[in-house]
Amino acid sequence: MVGLDWDTVGCAVDMVGRLKDMIGLARDMIGLGENMVGYT
């Protein structure tokens, strides 16, 4: 891992975690939308 220090690695891990959270939220929103459409 030449050229990477632990701060850089930590930032990358944080970014990946935030992306996963956002994808999870987007999926939840899509699921809610589908449920609302399904009930009407």
Protein backbone atom coordinates (compact mmCIF):
# COMPACT_ATOMS: atom_id res chain seq x y z
CA MET A 1 0.00 0.00 0.00
CA VAL A 2 2.54 2.55 -1.15
CA GLY A 3 1.43 6.17 -0.97
CA LEU A 4 -1.53 5.50 1.33
CA ASP A 5 -1.50 6.48 4.97
CA TRP A 6 -4.11 5.45 7.52
CA ASP A 7 -5.92 8.80 7.28
CA THR A 8 -6.47 8.24 3.56
CA VAL A 9 -7.67 4.69 4.18
CA GLY A 10 -10.01 5.91 6.93
CA CYS A 11 -11.49 8.56 4.63
CA ALA A 12 -12.04 5.98 1.89
CA VAL A 13 -13.77 3.63 4.35
CA ASP A 14 -16.00 6.49 5.54
CA MET A 15 -16.90 7.33 1.94
CA VAL A 16 -17.82 3.70 1.18
CA GLY A 17 -19.91 3.51 4.34
CA ARG A 18 -21.77 6.71 3.44
CA LEU A 19 -22.39 5.46 -0.10
CA LYS A 20 -23.84 2.20 1.27
CA ASP A 21 -26.07 4.19 3.65
CA MET A 22 -27.30 6.40 0.78
CA ILE A 23 -27.99 3.36 -1.43
CA GLY A 24 -29.89 1.75 1.44
CA LEU A 25 -31.95 4.92 1.94
CA ALA A 26 -32.68 5.13 -1.80
CA ARG A 27 -33.85 1.49 -1.82
CA ASP A 28 -36.09 2.18 1.19
CA MET A 29 -37.60 5.21 -0.57
CA ILE A 30 -38.20 3.21 -3.76
CA GLY A 31 -39.79 0.43 -1.71
CA LEU A 32 -42.09 2.93 0.02
CA GLY A 33 -43.05 4.43 -3.33
CA GLU A 34 -43.87 1.00 -4.73
CA ASN A 35 -45.99 0.21 -1.67
CA MET A 36 -47.90 3.50 -2.00
CA VAL A 37 -48.53 2.87 -5.69
CA GLY A 38 -49.57 -0.70 -4.95
CA TYR A 39 -52.17 0.38 -2.38
CA THR A 40 -53.93 2.90 -4.62
